[in-house]
Amino acid sequence: MNNKLFLLLTLIIVILVSAGGYFWWQKGIAGKKIVGSSVPNILFLTNPVTEFSGKVDKISDNSIFIAGKYSITPPPTPPNAPTNIPGSVITVQPLPPSKVFTYKVNIQPYTIINRPDSPVKYLIKKITPTPTPKLTIKDIKAGQMITVSTVSDLRTLKKEEFDAYSVKLPPIINTIT
């Protein structure tokens, strides 16, 4: 009888200590890590993000500020096209929550700024295209849509600033009408 009581008390103490340790870990140490996380936008940036597309807001010295919109999930696609049947009500699915991210992108000496070539097809004679000149931050204009690539993952940033590895400008489109 004495051994059974001792084993029961030991089992109760082990369970209480384990439960207390578990809750202390969740609320104390692990809870502080989650609250002070360096990934505040993890719901919006769920996959590794090394390329960011957006609109140039401002250019200052060797930095550009880019704003891009991300949503939690892609917008839903309707299973079939809605029809305008008299007397029917067309329901539109709500868009998923979205957020505009603004990043300060630092242009370093190693940053490659390029623009896709827009070759012109000549019918009569063959003309060799001239090589594109090396582009600089002066070729970037406010209001342009650009894509910036980086080596690091944007989800792990401690602040909204990173160094650009490459910047892709929109192509120049020439049309004759």
C-alpha atoms as a PDB file:
ATOM      1  CA  MET A   1       0.000   0.000   0.000  1.00  0.00           C
ATOM      2  CA  ASN A   2       2.811   2.366   0.865  1.00  0.00           C
ATOM      3  CA  ASN A   3       4.580   1.672  -2.490  1.00  0.00           C
ATOM      4  CA  LYS A   4       1.379   2.278  -4.462  1.00  0.00           C
ATOM      5  CA  LEU A   5       0.824   5.626  -2.748  1.00  0.00           C
ATOM      6  CA  PHE A   6       4.435   6.632  -3.373  1.00  0.00           C
ATOM      7  CA  LEU A   7       4.187   5.707  -7.097  1.00  0.00           C
ATOM      8  CA  LEU A   8       0.891   7.596  -7.440  1.00  0.00           C
ATOM      9  CA  LEU A   9       2.318  10.744  -5.829  1.00  0.00           C
ATOM     10  CA  THR A  10       5.461  10.512  -7.988  1.00  0.00           C
ATOM     11  CA  LEU A  11       3.361  10.155 -11.131  1.00  0.00           C
ATOM     12  CA  ILE A  12       1.214  13.188 -10.183  1.00  0.00           C
ATOM     13  CA  ILE A  13       4.318  15.313  -9.505  1.00  0.00           C
ATOM     14  CA  VAL A  14       5.927  14.323 -12.822  1.00  0.00           C
ATOM     15  CA  ILE A  15       2.719  15.199 -14.706  1.00  0.00           C
ATOM     16  CA  LEU A  16       2.410  18.573 -12.946  1.00  0.00           C
ATOM     17  CA  VAL A  17       6.074  19.463 -13.536  1.00  0.00           C
ATOM     18  CA  SER A  18       5.827  18.432 -17.207  1.00  0.00           C
ATOM     19  CA  ALA A  19       2.639  20.429 -17.757  1.00  0.00           C
ATOM     20  CA  GLY A  20       4.105  23.454 -15.983  1.00  0.00           C
ATOM     21  CA  GLY A  21       7.292  23.228 -18.028  1.00  0.00           C
ATOM     22  CA  TYR A  22       5.296  22.935 -21.221  1.00  0.00           C
ATOM     23  CA  PHE A  23       3.141  26.015 -20.455  1.00  0.00           C
ATOM     24  CA  TRP A  24       6.181  27.970 -19.245  1.00  0.00           C
ATOM     25  CA  TRP A  25       7.948  27.167 -22.527  1.00  0.00           C
ATOM     26  CA  GLN A  26       4.924  28.141 -24.657  1.00  0.00           C
ATOM     27  CA  LYS A  27       4.097  31.368 -22.816  1.00  0.00           C
ATOM     28  CA  GLY A  28       7.560  32.350 -21.637  1.00  0.00           C
ATOM     29  CA  ILE A  29      10.436  31.563 -23.954  1.00  0.00           C
ATOM     30  CA  ALA A  30       8.706  30.510 -27.161  1.00  0.00           C
ATOM     31  CA  GLY A  31       6.022  33.165 -26.764  1.00  0.00           C
ATOM     32  CA  LYS A  32       8.678  35.889 -26.629  1.00  0.00           C
ATOM     33  CA  LYS A  33      10.292  34.550 -29.792  1.00  0.00           C
ATOM     34  CA  ILE A  34       7.002  34.670 -31.670  1.00  0.00           C
ATOM     35  CA  VAL A  35       6.093  38.164 -30.424  1.00  0.00           C
ATOM     36  CA  GLY A  36       9.521  39.605 -31.293  1.00  0.00           C
ATOM     37  CA  SER A  37       9.665  37.752 -34.586  1.00  0.00           C
ATOM     38  CA  SER A  38      11.552  39.237 -37.510  1.00  0.00           C
ATOM     39  CA  VAL A  39       8.864  37.926 -39.838  1.00  0.00           C
ATOM     40  CA  PRO A  40       5.873  40.213 -39.265  1.00  0.00           C
ATOM     41  CA  ASN A  41       4.340  39.544 -42.703  1.00  0.00           C
ATOM     42  CA  ILE A  42       4.533  35.760 -42.696  1.00  0.00           C
ATOM     43  CA  LEU A  43       0.834  35.430 -43.637  1.00  0.00           C
ATOM     44  CA  PHE A  44       1.373  37.431 -46.815  1.00  0.00           C
ATOM     45  CA  LEU A  45       4.835  36.136 -47.723  1.00  0.00           C
ATOM     46  CA  THR A  46       4.417  32.399 -47.207  1.00  0.00           C
ATOM     47  CA  ASN A  47       6.920  31.191 -49.822  1.00  0.00           C
ATOM     48  CA  PRO A  48      10.542  32.267 -50.181  1.00  0.00           C
ATOM     49  CA  VAL A  49      10.593  35.703 -51.812  1.00  0.00           C
ATOM     50  CA  THR A  50      13.793  36.800 -53.526  1.00  0.00           C
ATOM     51  CA  GLU A  51      12.155  38.842 -56.266  1.00  0.00           C
ATOM     52  CA  PHE A  52       9.891  41.808 -55.577  1.00  0.00           C
ATOM     53  CA  SER A  53       7.831  43.661 -58.197  1.00  0.00           C
ATOM     54  CA  GLY A  54       6.321  47.034 -57.566  1.00  0.00           C
ATOM     55  CA  LYS A  55       6.019  50.685 -58.423  1.00  0.00           C
ATOM     56  CA  VAL A  56       8.881  53.096 -57.753  1.00  0.00           C
ATOM     57  CA  ASP A  57       7.672  55.639 -55.191  1.00  0.00           C
ATOM     58  CA  LYS A  58      10.811  57.658 -54.593  1.00  0.00           C
ATOM     59  CA  ILE A  59      14.494  57.746 -55.558  1.00  0.00           C
ATOM     60  CA  SER A  60      17.118  59.152 -53.203  1.00  0.00           C
ATOM     61  CA  ASP A  61      20.906  58.914 -53.604  1.00  0.00           C
ATOM     62  CA  ASN A  62      21.627  55.179 -54.067  1.00  0.00           C
ATOM     63  CA  SER A  63      18.264  53.949 -52.806  1.00  0.00           C
ATOM     64  CA  ILE A  64      14.845  53.497 -54.325  1.00  0.00           C
ATOM     65  CA  PHE A  65      11.548  52.977 -52.537  1.00  0.00           C
ATOM     66  CA  ILE A  66       9.276  50.359 -54.124  1.00  0.00           C
ATOM     67  CA  ALA A  67       5.667  49.580 -53.184  1.00  0.00           C
ATOM     68  CA  GLY A  68       4.043  46.295 -54.195  1.00  0.00           C
ATOM     69  CA  LYS A  69       0.736  44.679 -53.266  1.00  0.00           C
ATOM     70  CA  TYR A  70       0.587  41.107 -51.952  1.00  0.00           C
ATOM     71  CA  SER A  71      -2.435  39.076 -50.902  1.00  0.00           C
ATOM     72  CA  ILE A  72      -2.696  36.070 -48.598  1.00  0.00           C
ATOM     73  CA  THR A  73      -4.015  33.820 -51.348  1.00  0.00           C
ATOM     74  CA  PRO A  74      -4.568  34.386 -55.051  1.00  0.00           C
ATOM     75  CA  PRO A  75      -7.994  35.744 -55.980  1.00  0.00           C
ATOM     76  CA  PRO A  76     -10.564  32.979 -56.438  1.00  0.00           C
ATOM     77  CA  THR A  77     -11.568  32.064 -59.972  1.00  0.00           C
ATOM     78  CA  PRO A  78     -15.243  31.415 -60.531  1.00  0.00           C
ATOM     79  CA  PRO A  79     -16.082  27.866 -61.676  1.00  0.00           C
ATOM     80  CA  ASN A  80     -18.092  29.201 -64.590  1.00  0.00           C
ATOM     81  CA  ALA A  81     -18.912  32.582 -66.029  1.00  0.00           C
ATOM     82  CA  PRO A  82     -21.869  34.349 -64.426  1.00  0.00           C
ATOM     83  CA  THR A  83     -24.946  34.669 -66.580  1.00  0.00           C
ATOM     84  CA  ASN A  84     -27.466  37.469 -66.639  1.00  0.00           C
ATOM     85  CA  ILE A  85     -30.658  35.495 -66.168  1.00  0.00           C
ATOM     86  CA  PRO A  86     -33.561  37.827 -65.377  1.00  0.00           C
ATOM     87  CA  GLY A  87     -34.478  37.632 -61.723  1.00  0.00           C
ATOM     88  CA  SER A  88     -31.209  35.946 -60.638  1.00  0.00           C
ATOM     89  CA  VAL A  89     -28.784  37.504 -58.219  1.00  0.00           C
ATOM     90  CA  ILE A  90     -25.101  37.430 -59.136  1.00  0.00           C
ATOM     91  CA  THR A  91     -22.860  36.968 -56.119  1.00  0.00           C
ATOM     92  CA  VAL A  92     -19.265  38.087 -56.300  1.00  0.00           C
ATOM     93  CA  GLN A  93     -16.702  36.373 -54.127  1.00  0.00           C
ATOM     94  CA  PRO A  94     -14.858  38.768 -51.782  1.00  0.00           C
ATOM     95  CA  LEU A  95     -11.205  39.362 -52.564  1.00  0.00           C
ATOM     96  CA  PRO A  96      -8.663  37.939 -50.125  1.00  0.00           C
ATOM     97  CA  PRO A  97      -7.004  40.354 -47.706  1.00  0.00           C
ATOM     98  CA  SER A  98      -4.067  42.157 -49.244  1.00  0.00           C
ATOM     99  CA  LYS A  99      -1.330  44.432 -48.008  1.00  0.00           C
ATOM    100  CA  VAL A 100       0.967  46.955 -49.679  1.00  0.00           C
ATOM    101  CA  PHE A 101       4.630  46.447 -48.827  1.00  0.00           C
ATOM    102  CA  THR A 102       7.109  49.291 -49.248  1.00  0.00           C
ATOM    103  CA  TYR A 103      10.792  48.408 -49.307  1.00  0.00           C
ATOM    104  CA  LYS A 104      13.864  50.593 -49.395  1.00  0.00           C
ATOM    105  CA  VAL A 105      16.155  49.004 -51.967  1.00  0.00           C
ATOM    106  CA  ASN A 106      19.841  49.920 -51.844  1.00  0.00           C
ATOM    107  CA  ILE A 107      21.673  50.000 -55.176  1.00  0.00           C
ATOM    108  CA  GLN A 108      25.204  48.687 -54.629  1.00  0.00           C
ATOM    109  CA  PRO A 109      28.185  48.824 -57.031  1.00  0.00           C
ATOM    110  CA  TYR A 110      27.574  45.158 -57.901  1.00  0.00           C
ATOM    111  CA  THR A 111      23.854  45.706 -58.707  1.00  0.00           C
ATOM    112  CA  ILE A 112      22.978  44.883 -62.319  1.00  0.00           C
ATOM    113  CA  ILE A 113      20.372  47.204 -63.830  1.00  0.00           C
ATOM    114  CA  ASN A 114      19.018  45.938 -67.136  1.00  0.00           C
ATOM    115  CA  ARG A 115      16.153  46.355 -69.540  1.00  0.00           C
ATOM    116  CA  PRO A 116      14.911  43.591 -71.861  1.00  0.00           C
ATOM    117  CA  ASP A 117      15.841  44.115 -75.498  1.00  0.00           C
ATOM    118  CA  SER A 118      13.059  44.944 -77.896  1.00  0.00           C
ATOM    119  CA  PRO A 119      14.363  43.795 -81.259  1.00  0.00           C
ATOM    120  CA  VAL A 120      12.899  45.393 -84.351  1.00  0.00           C
ATOM    121  CA  LYS A 121      12.314  43.039 -87.261  1.00  0.00           C
ATOM    122  CA  TYR A 122      13.563  44.571 -90.497  1.00  0.00           C
ATOM    123  CA  LEU A 123      12.265  43.176 -93.749  1.00  0.00           C
ATOM    124  CA  ILE A 124      14.763  44.603 -96.227  1.00  0.00           C
ATOM    125  CA  LYS A 125      18.229  44.620 -94.727  1.00  0.00           C
ATOM    126  CA  LYS A 126      19.896  43.067 -91.761  1.00  0.00           C
ATOM    127  CA  ILE A 127      21.037  45.530 -89.145  1.00  0.00           C
ATOM    128  CA  THR A 128      23.151  44.449 -86.219  1.00  0.00           C
ATOM    129  CA  PRO A 129      21.784  45.939 -83.021  1.00  0.00           C
ATOM    130  CA  THR A 130      24.007  48.196 -80.989  1.00  0.00           C
ATOM    131  CA  PRO A 131      24.883  46.890 -77.537  1.00  0.00           C
ATOM    132  CA  THR A 132      22.770  48.318 -74.761  1.00  0.00           C
ATOM    133  CA  PRO A 133      24.594  50.852 -72.612  1.00  0.00           C
ATOM    134  CA  LYS A 134      25.238  50.159 -68.925  1.00  0.00           C
ATOM    135  CA  LEU A 135      22.233  51.428 -67.008  1.00  0.00           C
ATOM    136  CA  THR A 136      22.476  53.304 -63.702  1.00  0.00           C
ATOM    137  CA  ILE A 137      20.072  54.467 -61.021  1.00  0.00           C
ATOM    138  CA  LYS A 138      19.516  57.610 -63.121  1.00  0.00           C
ATOM    139  CA  ASP A 139      17.643  55.442 -65.661  1.00  0.00           C
ATOM    140  CA  ILE A 140      15.026  54.523 -63.040  1.00  0.00           C
ATOM    141  CA  LYS A 141      12.074  56.912 -62.867  1.00  0.00           C
ATOM    142  CA  ALA A 142       9.419  57.382 -60.206  1.00  0.00           C
ATOM    143  CA  GLY A 143       6.151  55.705 -61.194  1.00  0.00           C
ATOM    144  CA  GLN A 144       7.828  52.873 -63.169  1.00  0.00           C
ATOM    145  CA  MET A 145       6.937  49.265 -62.503  1.00  0.00           C
ATOM    146  CA  ILE A 146      10.193  47.367 -61.847  1.00  0.00           C
ATOM    147  CA  THR A 147      11.307  44.010 -60.494  1.00  0.00           C
ATOM    148  CA  VAL A 148      14.121  43.797 -57.952  1.00  0.00           C
ATOM    149  CA  SER A 149      16.030  40.591 -57.171  1.00  0.00           C
ATOM    150  CA  THR A 150      18.013  39.948 -54.031  1.00  0.00           C
ATOM    151  CA  VAL A 151      20.109  37.125 -52.625  1.00  0.00           C
ATOM    152  CA  SER A 152      18.365  37.081 -49.233  1.00  0.00           C
ATOM    153  CA  ASP A 153      14.797  36.032 -48.533  1.00  0.00           C
ATOM    154  CA  LEU A 154      12.475  38.999 -47.900  1.00  0.00           C
ATOM    155  CA  ARG A 155      10.629  37.037 -45.203  1.00  0.00           C
ATOM    156  CA  THR A 156      13.690  37.084 -42.941  1.00  0.00           C
ATOM    157  CA  LEU A 157      14.321  40.834 -43.036  1.00  0.00           C
ATOM    158  CA  LYS A 158      14.472  42.657 -39.728  1.00  0.00           C
ATOM    159  CA  LYS A 159      13.422  45.930 -41.411  1.00  0.00           C
ATOM    160  CA  GLU A 160      11.986  46.918 -44.788  1.00  0.00           C
ATOM    161  CA  GLU A 161      15.384  47.470 -46.434  1.00  0.00           C
ATOM    162  CA  PHE A 162      17.617  45.248 -48.562  1.00  0.00           C
ATOM    163  CA  ASP A 163      20.426  45.362 -51.136  1.00  0.00           C
ATOM    164  CA  ALA A 164      19.497  44.694 -54.741  1.00  0.00           C
ATOM    165  CA  TYR A 165      21.337  42.089 -56.789  1.00  0.00           C
ATOM    166  CA  SER A 166      19.569  43.043 -60.015  1.00  0.00           C
ATOM    167  CA  VAL A 167      16.905  45.503 -61.164  1.00  0.00           C
ATOM    168  CA  LYS A 168      14.765  44.780 -64.224  1.00  0.00           C
ATOM    169  CA  LEU A 169      13.279  47.836 -65.918  1.00  0.00           C
ATOM    170  CA  PRO A 170      10.272  47.632 -68.222  1.00  0.00           C
ATOM    171  CA  PRO A 171      11.074  47.253 -71.954  1.00  0.00           C
ATOM    172  CA  ILE A 172      10.863  50.161 -74.329  1.00  0.00           C
ATOM    173  CA  ILE A 173       8.064  49.439 -76.764  1.00  0.00           C
ATOM    174  CA  ASN A 174       8.084  51.142 -80.152  1.00  0.00           C
ATOM    175  CA  THR A 175       4.939  50.965 -82.217  1.00  0.00           C
ATOM    176  CA  ILE A 176       3.945  52.361 -85.557  1.00  0.00           C
ATOM    177  CA  THR A 177       0.257  52.944 -86.168  1.00  0.00           C
END
